[in-house]
Amino acid sequence: MKKLIINAPYLTRLAILKGALKLEVLGMKRSRTPTVYSLVKKEFGFKGSKQSVLDQFCVFYEVQKRDYAERHYIANGGIVPGGNHALH
């Protein structure tokens, strides 16, 4: 099955935030800017430690990605972008 490629600025931003938050949980720091952890907590309203916010954000990201794919699938009459495979 081909991988679904989603071209949406919002989802791209979420993916970048998720990756940066993962790096921050591992100990990497950004210089002279607010932490991704604080940005994600403020913007999305998550609470808890860095690891729990990462877990919540990963679930949120997957839900957003799935929702976008389903809406795109329905809007295109059941055709998955980039291939002729059904959405599972």
Protein backbone atom coordinates (compact mmCIF):
# COMPACT_ATOMS: atom_id res chain seq x y z
CA MET A 1 0.00 0.00 0.00
CA LYS A 2 1.29 3.45 -0.90
CA LYS A 3 1.91 5.96 1.85
CA LEU A 4 -0.61 8.79 1.92
CA ILE A 5 1.18 12.10 1.38
CA ILE A 6 -0.69 15.00 2.90
CA ASN A 7 0.08 18.46 1.61
CA ALA A 8 -1.42 20.74 4.22
CA PRO A 9 0.45 23.57 5.96
CA TYR A 10 -1.40 22.99 9.25
CA LEU A 11 -0.47 19.31 9.39
CA THR A 12 3.07 20.09 8.34
CA ARG A 13 3.37 22.55 11.22
CA LEU A 14 1.98 19.95 13.64
CA ALA A 15 4.51 17.39 12.39
CA ILE A 16 7.36 19.87 12.90
CA LEU A 17 6.15 20.72 16.41
CA LYS A 18 5.88 17.00 17.22
CA GLY A 19 9.44 16.36 16.06
CA ALA A 20 10.81 19.37 17.94
CA LEU A 21 8.96 18.34 21.10
CA LYS A 22 10.41 14.83 20.84
CA LEU A 23 13.90 16.31 20.64
CA GLU A 24 13.17 18.57 23.59
CA VAL A 25 12.02 15.59 25.67
CA LEU A 26 15.35 13.92 24.84
CA GLY A 27 17.22 16.97 26.18
CA MET A 28 17.88 19.17 23.17
CA LYS A 29 17.26 22.88 23.69
CA ARG A 30 16.34 25.79 21.44
CA SER A 31 18.33 28.96 21.81
CA ARG A 32 16.78 32.23 22.93
CA THR A 33 13.22 31.24 22.10
CA PRO A 34 10.35 29.79 24.09
CA THR A 35 10.45 26.03 24.42
CA VAL A 36 8.29 23.93 22.11
CA TYR A 37 6.85 22.42 25.28
CA SER A 38 5.56 25.83 26.41
CA LEU A 39 4.29 26.69 22.91
CA VAL A 40 2.35 23.43 22.62
CA LYS A 41 0.92 23.73 26.14
CA LYS A 42 -0.21 27.30 25.51
CA GLU A 43 -1.61 26.76 22.01
CA PHE A 44 -3.34 23.41 22.53
CA GLY A 45 -4.10 23.52 26.27
CA PHE A 46 -2.25 20.35 27.26
CA LYS A 47 -1.12 19.91 30.86
CA GLY A 48 1.55 17.81 32.51
CA SER A 49 5.22 16.92 32.15
CA LYS A 50 7.11 17.12 28.87
CA GLN A 51 6.60 13.40 28.26
CA SER A 52 2.85 13.50 28.98
CA VAL A 53 2.41 16.59 26.77
CA LEU A 54 4.31 14.77 24.00
CA ASP A 55 2.03 11.73 24.38
CA GLN A 56 -1.09 13.92 24.27
CA PHE A 57 0.24 15.85 21.28
CA CYS A 58 1.08 12.65 19.36
CA VAL A 59 -2.50 11.43 19.81
CA PHE A 60 -3.83 14.86 18.79
CA TYR A 61 -1.61 14.87 15.68
CA GLU A 62 -2.71 11.39 14.60
CA VAL A 63 -6.38 12.34 15.02
CA GLN A 64 -5.88 15.52 12.99
CA LYS A 65 -4.01 13.64 10.26
CA ARG A 66 -6.68 10.93 10.07
CA ASP A 67 -9.49 13.50 10.03
CA TYR A 68 -7.82 15.43 7.21
CA ALA A 69 -7.26 12.24 5.21
CA GLU A 70 -10.88 11.15 5.65
CA ARG A 71 -12.23 14.55 4.61
CA HIS A 72 -9.94 14.59 1.59
CA TYR A 73 -10.94 11.00 0.73
CA ILE A 74 -14.66 11.84 0.86
CA ALA A 75 -14.22 15.13 -1.03
CA ASN A 76 -12.44 13.29 -3.86
CA GLY A 77 -15.19 10.73 -4.26
CA GLY A 78 -13.29 7.95 -2.52
CA ILE A 79 -9.98 8.44 -4.34
CA VAL A 80 -6.93 8.54 -2.11
CA PRO A 81 -4.42 11.15 -3.30
CA GLY A 82 -1.29 9.56 -4.68
CA GLY A 83 -2.77 6.14 -5.35
CA ASN A 84 -5.83 4.01 -5.91
CA HIS A 85 -5.88 2.41 -2.50
CA ALA A 86 -8.77 2.41 -0.08
CA LEU A 87 -8.35 4.25 3.19
CA HIS A 88 -8.02 1.77 6.05
